[in-house]
Amino acid sequence: RNNAQNTVDLQMNSLKPEDTAVYYCNVRNVVRSMNLWGKGIQVTVS
């Protein structure tokens, strides 16, 4: 993550077919009752 830029990355190596899914970004602050989701992005390993 880069806090200054408000970004979070996921480097995925050695991908397997079972990694196929829609991946969702999530940010949260439990104390502030904040739990936010992205729309999702498709990852297909085939």
All heavy atoms as atom14 arrays in JSON, in Angstrom:
{
  "sequence": "RNNAQNTVDLQMNSLKPEDTAVYYCNVRNVVRSMNLWGKGIQVTVS",
  "atom14_mask": [
    [1, 1, 1, 1, 1, 1, 1, 1, 1, 1, 1, 0, 0, 0],
    [1, 1, 1, 1, 1, 1, 1, 1, 0, 0, 0, 0, 0, 0],
    [1, 1, 1, 1, 1, 1, 1, 1, 0, 0, 0, 0, 0, 0],
    [1, 1, 1, 1, 1, 0, 0, 0, 0, 0, 0, 0, 0, 0],
    [1, 1, 1, 1, 1, 1, 1, 1, 1, 0, 0, 0, 0, 0],
    [1, 1, 1, 1, 1, 1, 1, 1, 0, 0, 0, 0, 0, 0],
    [1, 1, 1, 1, 1, 1, 1, 0, 0, 0, 0, 0, 0, 0],
    [1, 1, 1, 1, 1, 1, 1, 0, 0, 0, 0, 0, 0, 0],
    [1, 1, 1, 1, 1, 1, 1, 1, 0, 0, 0, 0, 0, 0],
    [1, 1, 1, 1, 1, 1, 1, 1, 0, 0, 0, 0, 0, 0],
    [1, 1, 1, 1, 1, 1, 1, 1, 1, 0, 0, 0, 0, 0],
    [1, 1, 1, 1, 1, 1, 1, 1, 0, 0, 0, 0, 0, 0],
    [1, 1, 1, 1, 1, 1, 1, 1, 0, 0, 0, 0, 0, 0],
    [1, 1, 1, 1, 1, 1, 0, 0, 0, 0, 0, 0, 0, 0],
    [1, 1, 1, 1, 1, 1, 1, 1, 0, 0, 0, 0, 0, 0],
    [1, 1, 1, 1, 1, 1, 1, 1, 1, 0, 0, 0, 0, 0],
    [1, 1, 1, 1, 1, 1, 1, 0, 0, 0, 0, 0, 0, 0],
    [1, 1, 1, 1, 1, 1, 1, 1, 1, 0, 0, 0, 0, 0],
    [1, 1, 1, 1, 1, 1, 1, 1, 0, 0, 0, 0, 0, 0],
    [1, 1, 1, 1, 1, 1, 1, 0, 0, 0, 0, 0, 0, 0],
    [1, 1, 1, 1, 1, 0, 0, 0, 0, 0, 0, 0, 0, 0],
    [1, 1, 1, 1, 1, 1, 1, 0, 0, 0, 0, 0, 0, 0],
    [1, 1, 1, 1, 1, 1, 1, 1, 1, 1, 1, 1, 0, 0],
    [1, 1, 1, 1, 1, 1, 1, 1, 1, 1, 1, 1, 0, 0],
    [1, 1, 1, 1, 1, 1, 0, 0, 0, 0, 0, 0, 0, 0],
    [1, 1, 1, 1, 1, 1, 1, 1, 0, 0, 0, 0, 0, 0],
    [1, 1, 1, 1, 1, 1, 1, 0, 0, 0, 0, 0, 0, 0],
    [1, 1, 1, 1, 1, 1, 1, 1, 1, 1, 1, 0, 0, 0],
    [1, 1, 1, 1, 1, 1, 1, 1, 0, 0, 0, 0, 0, 0],
    [1, 1, 1, 1, 1, 1, 1, 0, 0, 0, 0, 0, 0, 0],
    [1, 1, 1, 1, 1, 1, 1, 0, 0, 0, 0, 0, 0, 0],
    [1, 1, 1, 1, 1, 1, 1, 1, 1, 1, 1, 0, 0, 0],
    [1, 1, 1, 1, 1, 1, 0, 0, 0, 0, 0, 0, 0, 0],
    [1, 1, 1, 1, 1, 1, 1, 1, 0, 0, 0, 0, 0, 0],
    [1, 1, 1, 1, 1, 1, 1, 1, 0, 0, 0, 0, 0, 0],
    [1, 1, 1, 1, 1, 1, 1, 1, 0, 0, 0, 0, 0, 0],
    [1, 1, 1, 1, 1, 1, 1, 1, 1, 1, 1, 1, 1, 1],
    [1, 1, 1, 1, 0, 0, 0, 0, 0, 0, 0, 0, 0, 0],
    [1, 1, 1, 1, 1, 1, 1, 1, 1, 0, 0, 0, 0, 0],
    [1, 1, 1, 1, 0, 0, 0, 0, 0, 0, 0, 0, 0, 0],
    [1, 1, 1, 1, 1, 1, 1, 1, 0, 0, 0, 0, 0, 0],
    [1, 1, 1, 1, 1, 1, 1, 1, 1, 0, 0, 0, 0, 0],
    [1, 1, 1, 1, 1, 1, 1, 0, 0, 0, 0, 0, 0, 0],
    [1, 1, 1, 1, 1, 1, 1, 0, 0, 0, 0, 0, 0, 0],
    [1, 1, 1, 1, 1, 1, 1, 0, 0, 0, 0, 0, 0, 0],
    [1, 1, 1, 1, 1, 1, 0, 0, 0, 0, 0, 0, 0, 0]
  ],
  "atom14_positions": [
    [[0.83, -1.2, 0.0], [0.0, 0.0, 0.0], [0.86, 1.25, 0.0], [2.0, 1.23, 0.48], [-0.95, 0.02, 1.2], [-0.26, 0.14, 2.55], [-1.23, -0.05, 3.7], [-2.15, 1.08, 3.86], [-3.14, 1.13, 4.75], [-3.37, 0.08, 5.54], [-3.91, 2.2, 4.83], [0.0, 0.0, 0.0], [0.0, 0.0, 0.0], [0.0, 0.0, 0.0]],
    [[0.3, 2.3, -0.53], [0.92, 3.62, -0.52], [-0.08, 4.55, 0.14], [-1.08, 4.93, -0.47], [1.27, 4.08, -1.93], [2.04, 5.38, -1.94], [1.71, 6.31, -1.21], [3.06, 5.46, -2.78], [0.0, 0.0, 0.0], [0.0, 0.0, 0.0], [0.0, 0.0, 0.0], [0.0, 0.0, 0.0], [0.0, 0.0, 0.0], [0.0, 0.0, 0.0]],
    [[0.17, 4.89, 1.39], [-0.79, 5.69, 2.14], [-0.93, 7.1, 1.58], [-2.02, 7.68, 1.63], [-0.38, 5.75, 3.6], [-0.51, 4.41, 4.29], [-1.37, 3.6, 3.97], [0.37, 4.16, 5.26], [0.0, 0.0, 0.0], [0.0, 0.0, 0.0], [0.0, 0.0, 0.0], [0.0, 0.0, 0.0], [0.0, 0.0, 0.0], [0.0, 0.0, 0.0]],
    [[0.15, 7.66, 1.08], [0.09, 9.01, 0.54], [-0.79, 9.08, -0.7], [-1.49, 10.07, -0.93], [1.49, 9.51, 0.22], [0.0, 0.0, 0.0], [0.0, 0.0, 0.0], [0.0, 0.0, 0.0], [0.0, 0.0, 0.0], [0.0, 0.0, 0.0], [0.0, 0.0, 0.0], [0.0, 0.0, 0.0], [0.0, 0.0, 0.0], [0.0, 0.0, 0.0]],
    [[-0.77, 8.01, -1.49], [-1.54, 7.99, -2.72], [-2.87, 7.25, -2.57], [-3.65, 7.18, -3.52], [-0.72, 7.34, -3.84], [0.54, 8.1, -4.19], [1.33, 7.46, -5.3], [0.98, 6.39, -5.79], [2.4, 8.11, -5.72], [0.0, 0.0, 0.0], [0.0, 0.0, 0.0], [0.0, 0.0, 0.0], [0.0, 0.0, 0.0], [0.0, 0.0, 0.0]],
    [[-3.1, 6.69, -1.4], [-4.33, 5.93, -1.15], [-4.52, 4.81, -2.17], [-5.57, 4.68, -2.79], [-5.55, 6.84, -1.12], [-5.63, 7.69, 0.12], [-5.19, 7.29, 1.2], [-6.2, 8.89, -0.02], [0.0, 0.0, 0.0], [0.0, 0.0, 0.0], [0.0, 0.0, 0.0], [0.0, 0.0, 0.0], [0.0, 0.0, 0.0], [0.0, 0.0, 0.0]],
    [[-3.48, 4.03, -2.31], [-3.54, 2.9, -3.23], [-3.13, 1.62, -2.52], [-2.35, 1.64, -1.57], [-2.62, 3.1, -4.44], [-1.27, 3.24, -4.0], [-3.02, 4.34, -5.23], [0.0, 0.0, 0.0], [0.0, 0.0, 0.0], [0.0, 0.0, 0.0], [0.0, 0.0, 0.0], [0.0, 0.0, 0.0], [0.0, 0.0, 0.0], [0.0, 0.0, 0.0]],
    [[-3.65, 0.52, -3.0], [-3.25, -0.79, -2.53], [-3.12, -1.69, -3.75], [-4.01, -1.73, -4.6], [-4.24, -1.37, -1.5], [-5.66, -1.44, -2.05], [-3.77, -2.72, -1.0], [0.0, 0.0, 0.0], [0.0, 0.0, 0.0], [0.0, 0.0, 0.0], [0.0, 0.0, 0.0], [0.0, 0.0, 0.0], [0.0, 0.0, 0.0], [0.0, 0.0, 0.0]],
    [[-2.0, -2.39, -3.82], [-1.71, -3.25, -4.95], [-1.62, -4.69, -4.52], [-1.34, -5.0, -3.36], [-0.4, -2.85, -5.62], [-0.46, -1.52, -6.33], [-1.54, -0.9, -6.37], [0.58, -1.09, -6.86], [0.0, 0.0, 0.0], [0.0, 0.0, 0.0], [0.0, 0.0, 0.0], [0.0, 0.0, 0.0], [0.0, 0.0, 0.0], [0.0, 0.0, 0.0]],
    [[-1.85, -5.57, -5.46], [-1.7, -7.0, -5.22], [-0.92, -7.58, -6.38], [-1.42, -7.67, -7.5], [-3.06, -7.68, -5.1], [-3.02, -9.17, -4.75], [-2.55, -9.37, -3.31], [-4.39, -9.81, -4.94], [0.0, 0.0, 0.0], [0.0, 0.0, 0.0], [0.0, 0.0, 0.0], [0.0, 0.0, 0.0], [0.0, 0.0, 0.0], [0.0, 0.0, 0.0]],
    [[0.32, -7.96, -6.1], [1.14, -8.63, -7.09], [0.87, -10.12, -7.02], [1.06, -10.74, -5.96], [2.63, -8.35, -6.85], [3.56, -9.05, -7.82], [3.42, -8.55, -9.23], [3.36, -7.35, -9.46], [3.33, -9.47, -10.19], [0.0, 0.0, 0.0], [0.0, 0.0, 0.0], [0.0, 0.0, 0.0], [0.0, 0.0, 0.0], [0.0, 0.0, 0.0]],
    [[0.43, -10.69, -8.11], [0.04, -12.1, -8.14], [0.97, -12.85, -9.08], [1.0, -12.58, -10.28], [-1.41, -12.25, -8.6], [-2.41, -11.47, -7.74], [-4.13, -11.77, -8.22], [-4.13, -11.02, -9.86], [0.0, 0.0, 0.0], [0.0, 0.0, 0.0], [0.0, 0.0, 0.0], [0.0, 0.0, 0.0], [0.0, 0.0, 0.0], [0.0, 0.0, 0.0]],
    [[1.73, -13.77, -8.52], [2.65, -14.58, -9.28], [2.24, -16.04, -9.21], [1.47, -16.45, -8.34], [4.08, -14.42, -8.76], [4.59, -13.0, -8.86], [4.28, -12.29, -9.82], [5.39, -12.59, -7.89], [0.0, 0.0, 0.0], [0.0, 0.0, 0.0], [0.0, 0.0, 0.0], [0.0, 0.0, 0.0], [0.0, 0.0, 0.0], [0.0, 0.0, 0.0]],
    [[2.8, -16.82, -10.11], [2.52, -18.26, -10.14], [1.03, -18.55, -10.08], [0.56, -19.38, -9.32], [3.25, -18.96, -8.98], [4.64, -18.75, -9.04], [0.0, 0.0, 0.0], [0.0, 0.0, 0.0], [0.0, 0.0, 0.0], [0.0, 0.0, 0.0], [0.0, 0.0, 0.0], [0.0, 0.0, 0.0], [0.0, 0.0, 0.0], [0.0, 0.0, 0.0]],
    [[0.3, -17.86, -10.91], [-1.16, -17.97, -10.87], [-1.62, -19.36, -11.28], [-1.04, -20.0, -12.15], [-1.78, -16.91, -11.78], [-1.78, -15.5, -11.18], [-1.97, -14.46, -12.27], [-2.88, -15.39, -10.12], [0.0, 0.0, 0.0], [0.0, 0.0, 0.0], [0.0, 0.0, 0.0], [0.0, 0.0, 0.0], [0.0, 0.0, 0.0], [0.0, 0.0, 0.0]],
    [[-2.68, -19.78, -10.63], [-3.29, -21.08, -10.85], [-4.72, -20.92, -11.34], [-5.35, -19.89, -11.07], [-3.29, -21.9, -9.55], [-1.93, -22.07, -8.9], [-2.06, -22.77, -7.56], [-0.72, -22.94, -6.88], [-0.85, -23.6, -5.56], [0.0, 0.0, 0.0], [0.0, 0.0, 0.0], [0.0, 0.0, 0.0], [0.0, 0.0, 0.0], [0.0, 0.0, 0.0]],
    [[-5.25, -21.9, -12.04], [-6.65, -21.8, -12.47], [-7.62, -21.54, -11.32], [-8.61, -20.82, -11.52], [-6.91, -23.17, -13.12], [-5.58, -23.59, -13.63], [-4.59, -23.1, -12.6], [0.0, 0.0, 0.0], [0.0, 0.0, 0.0], [0.0, 0.0, 0.0], [0.0, 0.0, 0.0], [0.0, 0.0, 0.0], [0.0, 0.0, 0.0], [0.0, 0.0, 0.0]],
    [[-7.33, -22.07, -10.15], [-8.21, -21.86, -9.01], [-8.16, -20.44, -8.47], [-8.95, -20.08, -7.59], [-7.91, -22.86, -7.88], [-6.44, -22.93, -7.5], [-5.72, -24.08, -8.17], [-5.95, -24.3, -9.38], [-4.94, -24.77, -7.49], [0.0, 0.0, 0.0], [0.0, 0.0, 0.0], [0.0, 0.0, 0.0], [0.0, 0.0, 0.0], [0.0, 0.0, 0.0]],
    [[-7.24, -19.62, -8.97], [-7.23, -18.21, -8.62], [-8.26, -17.41, -9.42], [-8.46, -16.23, -9.14], [-5.84, -17.61, -8.86], [-4.78, -18.19, -7.93], [-5.07, -18.38, -6.74], [-3.66, -18.44, -8.42], [0.0, 0.0, 0.0], [0.0, 0.0, 0.0], [0.0, 0.0, 0.0], [0.0, 0.0, 0.0], [0.0, 0.0, 0.0], [0.0, 0.0, 0.0]],
    [[-8.86, -18.04, -10.39], [-9.86, -17.36, -11.21], [-11.02, -16.9, -10.34], [-11.64, -17.69, -9.63], [-10.38, -18.29, -12.31], [-9.31, -18.61, -13.2], [-11.49, -17.62, -13.11], [0.0, 0.0, 0.0], [0.0, 0.0, 0.0], [0.0, 0.0, 0.0], [0.0, 0.0, 0.0], [0.0, 0.0, 0.0], [0.0, 0.0, 0.0], [0.0, 0.0, 0.0]],
    [[-11.31, -15.61, -10.41], [-12.36, -15.03, -9.57], [-12.5, -13.56, -9.91], [-11.69, -13.0, -10.65], [-12.01, -15.18, -8.09], [0.0, 0.0, 0.0], [0.0, 0.0, 0.0], [0.0, 0.0, 0.0], [0.0, 0.0, 0.0], [0.0, 0.0, 0.0], [0.0, 0.0, 0.0], [0.0, 0.0, 0.0], [0.0, 0.0, 0.0], [0.0, 0.0, 0.0]],
    [[-13.53, -12.96, -9.36], [-13.63, -11.52, -9.35], [-12.95, -11.02, -8.09], [-13.26, -11.47, -6.99], [-15.09, -11.04, -9.4], [-15.15, -9.51, -9.3], [-15.77, -11.51, -10.68], [0.0, 0.0, 0.0], [0.0, 0.0, 0.0], [0.0, 0.0, 0.0], [0.0, 0.0, 0.0], [0.0, 0.0, 0.0], [0.0, 0.0, 0.0], [0.0, 0.0, 0.0]],
    [[-12.01, -10.11, -8.26], [-11.25, -9.59, -7.14], [-11.77, -8.21, -6.76], [-11.97, -7.35, -7.62], [-9.76, -9.51, -7.5], [-9.09, -10.86, -7.5], [-9.38, -11.81, -8.46], [-8.15, -11.18, -6.52], [-8.79, -13.05, -8.45], [-7.54, -12.42, -6.49], [-7.87, -13.36, -7.47], [-7.25, -14.59, -7.44], [0.0, 0.0, 0.0], [0.0, 0.0, 0.0]],
    [[-11.97, -8.01, -5.46], [-12.54, -6.79, -4.95], [-11.57, -6.07, -4.02], [-11.02, -6.69, -3.1], [-13.82, -7.07, -4.17], [-14.94, -7.67, -4.98], [-15.05, -9.05, -5.13], [-15.88, -6.86, -5.6], [-16.08, -9.6, -5.87], [-16.91, -7.4, -6.33], [-17.0, -8.78, -6.47], [-18.02, -9.33, -7.2], [0.0, 0.0, 0.0], [0.0, 0.0, 0.0]],
    [[-11.39, -4.81, -4.25], [-10.63, -3.97, -3.34], [-11.5, -3.59, -2.15], [-12.7, -3.36, -2.3], [-10.16, -2.72, -4.07], [-9.2, -1.56, -3.05], [0.0, 0.0, 0.0], [0.0, 0.0, 0.0], [0.0, 0.0, 0.0], [0.0, 0.0, 0.0], [0.0, 0.0, 0.0], [0.0, 0.0, 0.0], [0.0, 0.0, 0.0], [0.0, 0.0, 0.0]],
    [[-10.9, -3.55, -0.98], [-11.63, -3.22, 0.24], [-10.81, -2.29, 1.12], [-9.61, -2.48, 1.29], [-11.95, -4.51, 1.02], [-12.5, -4.24, 2.41], [-11.81, -4.42, 3.41], [-13.76, -3.81, 2.46], [0.0, 0.0, 0.0], [0.0, 0.0, 0.0], [0.0, 0.0, 0.0], [0.0, 0.0, 0.0], [0.0, 0.0, 0.0], [0.0, 0.0, 0.0]],
    [[-11.47, -1.27, 1.66], [-10.85, -0.4, 2.66], [-11.81, -0.29, 3.83], [-13.02, -0.24, 3.65], [-10.5, 0.99, 2.1], [-9.53, 0.88, 0.94], [-11.74, 1.75, 1.67], [0.0, 0.0, 0.0], [0.0, 0.0, 0.0], [0.0, 0.0, 0.0], [0.0, 0.0, 0.0], [0.0, 0.0, 0.0], [0.0, 0.0, 0.0], [0.0, 0.0, 0.0]],
    [[-11.25, -0.24, 5.03], [-12.13, -0.19, 6.2], [-11.46, 0.46, 7.4], [-10.25, 0.51, 7.53], [-12.61, -1.59, 6.56], [-11.52, -2.57, 6.94], [-12.13, -3.94, 7.2], [-11.13, -4.93, 7.58], [-10.45, -5.68, 6.72], [-10.66, -5.55, 5.42], [-9.56, -6.57, 7.17], [0.0, 0.0, 0.0], [0.0, 0.0, 0.0], [0.0, 0.0, 0.0]],
    [[-12.34, 0.96, 8.26], [-11.97, 1.48, 9.56], [-13.12, 1.09, 10.48], [-14.19, 1.7, 10.44], [-11.78, 3.0, 9.52], [-11.3, 3.56, 10.85], [-11.66, 3.07, 11.91], [-10.5, 4.61, 10.78], [0.0, 0.0, 0.0], [0.0, 0.0, 0.0], [0.0, 0.0, 0.0], [0.0, 0.0, 0.0], [0.0, 0.0, 0.0], [0.0, 0.0, 0.0]],
    [[-12.9, 0.07, 11.28], [-13.96, -0.47, 12.11], [-14.46, 0.56, 13.11], [-15.67, 0.67, 13.34], [-13.48, -1.74, 12.84], [-14.56, -2.25, 13.78], [-13.11, -2.82, 11.83], [0.0, 0.0, 0.0], [0.0, 0.0, 0.0], [0.0, 0.0, 0.0], [0.0, 0.0, 0.0], [0.0, 0.0, 0.0], [0.0, 0.0, 0.0], [0.0, 0.0, 0.0]],
    [[-13.56, 1.31, 13.71], [-13.96, 2.31, 14.7], [-14.89, 3.34, 14.08], [-15.85, 3.79, 14.71], [-12.73, 2.98, 15.31], [-13.15, 4.12, 16.24], [-11.89, 1.97, 16.06], [0.0, 0.0, 0.0], [0.0, 0.0, 0.0], [0.0, 0.0, 0.0], [0.0, 0.0, 0.0], [0.0, 0.0, 0.0], [0.0, 0.0, 0.0], [0.0, 0.0, 0.0]],
    [[-14.63, 3.7, 12.85], [-15.46, 4.68, 12.15], [-16.61, 4.04, 11.37], [-17.31, 4.73, 10.63], [-14.6, 5.52, 11.21], [-13.63, 6.43, 11.94], [-12.77, 7.22, 10.98], [-11.94, 8.2, 11.68], [-12.33, 9.44, 11.94], [-13.52, 9.88, 11.55], [-11.51, 10.26, 12.6], [0.0, 0.0, 0.0], [0.0, 0.0, 0.0], [0.0, 0.0, 0.0]],
    [[-16.78, 2.74, 11.53], [-17.83, 2.01, 10.83], [-17.76, 2.21, 9.33], [-18.78, 2.38, 8.64], [-19.21, 2.42, 11.35], [-19.34, 2.13, 12.72], [0.0, 0.0, 0.0], [0.0, 0.0, 0.0], [0.0, 0.0, 0.0], [0.0, 0.0, 0.0], [0.0, 0.0, 0.0], [0.0, 0.0, 0.0], [0.0, 0.0, 0.0], [0.0, 0.0, 0.0]],
    [[-16.56, 2.19, 8.81], [-16.35, 2.35, 7.38], [-15.88, 1.03, 6.79], [-14.89, 0.45, 7.25], [-15.32, 3.44, 7.1], [-15.07, 3.7, 5.63], [-13.81, 4.97, 5.35], [-12.33, 4.05, 5.82], [0.0, 0.0, 0.0], [0.0, 0.0, 0.0], [0.0, 0.0, 0.0], [0.0, 0.0, 0.0], [0.0, 0.0, 0.0], [0.0, 0.0, 0.0]],
    [[-16.57, 0.57, 5.78], [-16.21, -0.66, 5.08], [-16.65, -0.49, 3.63], [-17.84, -0.59, 3.33], [-16.89, -1.86, 5.73], [-16.37, -3.17, 5.2], [-15.32, -3.24, 4.57], [-17.11, -4.25, 5.44], [0.0, 0.0, 0.0], [0.0, 0.0, 0.0], [0.0, 0.0, 0.0], [0.0, 0.0, 0.0], [0.0, 0.0, 0.0], [0.0, 0.0, 0.0]],
    [[-15.7, -0.24, 2.77], [-16.0, 0.12, 1.4], [-15.41, -0.88, 0.43], [-14.34, -1.45, 0.66], [-15.44, 1.52, 1.09], [-15.91, 2.64, 2.03], [-15.18, 3.94, 1.7], [-17.41, 2.84, 1.92], [0.0, 0.0, 0.0], [0.0, 0.0, 0.0], [0.0, 0.0, 0.0], [0.0, 0.0, 0.0], [0.0, 0.0, 0.0], [0.0, 0.0, 0.0]],
    [[-16.12, -1.05, -0.69], [-15.74, -2.04, -1.68], [-15.67, -1.44, -3.07], [-16.44, -0.55, -3.43], [-16.76, -3.18, -1.72], [-16.84, -3.96, -0.45], [-17.66, -3.69, 0.62], [-16.08, -5.11, -0.1], [-17.45, -4.62, 1.61], [-16.5, -5.51, 1.2], [-15.11, -5.86, -0.75], [-15.96, -6.61, 1.84], [-14.58, -6.95, -0.11], [-15.0, -7.32, 1.17]],
    [[-14.74, -1.94, -3.86], [-14.73, -1.63, -5.27], [-15.75, -2.45, -6.01], [-16.42, -3.33, -5.44], [0.0, 0.0, 0.0], [0.0, 0.0, 0.0], [0.0, 0.0, 0.0], [0.0, 0.0, 0.0], [0.0, 0.0, 0.0], [0.0, 0.0, 0.0], [0.0, 0.0, 0.0], [0.0, 0.0, 0.0], [0.0, 0.0, 0.0], [0.0, 0.0, 0.0]],
    [[-15.89, -2.2, -7.28], [-16.87, -2.92, -8.1], [-16.42, -4.32, -8.46], [-17.25, -5.15, -8.84], [-17.16, -2.13, -9.37], [-17.85, -0.8, -9.13], [-18.13, -0.08, -10.44], [-18.84, 1.24, -10.2], [-19.1, 1.95, -11.48], [0.0, 0.0, 0.0], [0.0, 0.0, 0.0], [0.0, 0.0, 0.0], [0.0, 0.0, 0.0], [0.0, 0.0, 0.0]],
    [[-15.15, -4.59, -8.35], [-14.61, -5.89, -8.68], [-13.98, -5.91, -10.06], [-14.4, -5.2, -10.97], [0.0, 0.0, 0.0], [0.0, 0.0, 0.0], [0.0, 0.0, 0.0], [0.0, 0.0, 0.0], [0.0, 0.0, 0.0], [0.0, 0.0, 0.0], [0.0, 0.0, 0.0], [0.0, 0.0, 0.0], [0.0, 0.0, 0.0], [0.0, 0.0, 0.0]],
    [[-12.97, -6.74, -10.2], [-12.27, -6.88, -11.47], [-11.99, -8.36, -11.71], [-11.57, -9.08, -10.81], [-10.98, -6.04, -11.49], [-10.34, -6.04, -12.87], [-9.99, -6.5, -10.43], [-9.27, -4.98, -13.03], [0.0, 0.0, 0.0], [0.0, 0.0, 0.0], [0.0, 0.0, 0.0], [0.0, 0.0, 0.0], [0.0, 0.0, 0.0], [0.0, 0.0, 0.0]],
    [[-12.21, -8.79, -12.93], [-12.09, -10.2, -13.26], [-10.64, -10.6, -13.46], [-9.88, -9.93, -14.17], [-12.88, -10.52, -14.54], [-12.8, -11.98, -14.97], [-13.54, -12.9, -14.04], [-14.68, -12.62, -13.65], [-12.91, -14.01, -13.67], [0.0, 0.0, 0.0], [0.0, 0.0, 0.0], [0.0, 0.0, 0.0], [0.0, 0.0, 0.0], [0.0, 0.0, 0.0]],
    [[-10.27, -11.71, -12.85], [-8.99, -12.36, -13.09], [-9.29, -13.78, -13.55], [-9.95, -14.54, -12.84], [-8.1, -12.38, -11.84], [-6.87, -13.26, -12.07], [-7.69, -10.97, -11.46], [0.0, 0.0, 0.0], [0.0, 0.0, 0.0], [0.0, 0.0, 0.0], [0.0, 0.0, 0.0], [0.0, 0.0, 0.0], [0.0, 0.0, 0.0], [0.0, 0.0, 0.0]],
    [[-8.82, -14.12, -14.72], [-9.03, -15.45, -15.27], [-7.69, -16.09, -15.57], [-6.88, -15.52, -16.3], [-9.88, -15.4, -16.54], [-11.14, -14.78, -16.26], [-10.13, -16.8, -17.08], [0.0, 0.0, 0.0], [0.0, 0.0, 0.0], [0.0, 0.0, 0.0], [0.0, 0.0, 0.0], [0.0, 0.0, 0.0], [0.0, 0.0, 0.0], [0.0, 0.0, 0.0]],
    [[-7.48, -17.26, -15.01], [-6.24, -18.01, -15.21], [-6.6, -19.27, -15.99], [-7.25, -20.17, -15.47], [-5.57, -18.36, -13.89], [-4.23, -19.05, -14.15], [-5.37, -17.12, -13.03], [0.0, 0.0, 0.0], [0.0, 0.0, 0.0], [0.0, 0.0, 0.0], [0.0, 0.0, 0.0], [0.0, 0.0, 0.0], [0.0, 0.0, 0.0], [0.0, 0.0, 0.0]],
    [[-6.17, -19.3, -17.23], [-6.55, -20.4, -18.1], [-5.56, -20.51, -19.25], [-5.01, -19.51, -19.71], [-7.96, -20.2, -18.65], [-8.31, -21.21, -19.58], [0.0, 0.0, 0.0], [0.0, 0.0, 0.0], [0.0, 0.0, 0.0], [0.0, 0.0, 0.0], [0.0, 0.0, 0.0], [0.0, 0.0, 0.0], [0.0, 0.0, 0.0], [0.0, 0.0, 0.0]]
  ]
}
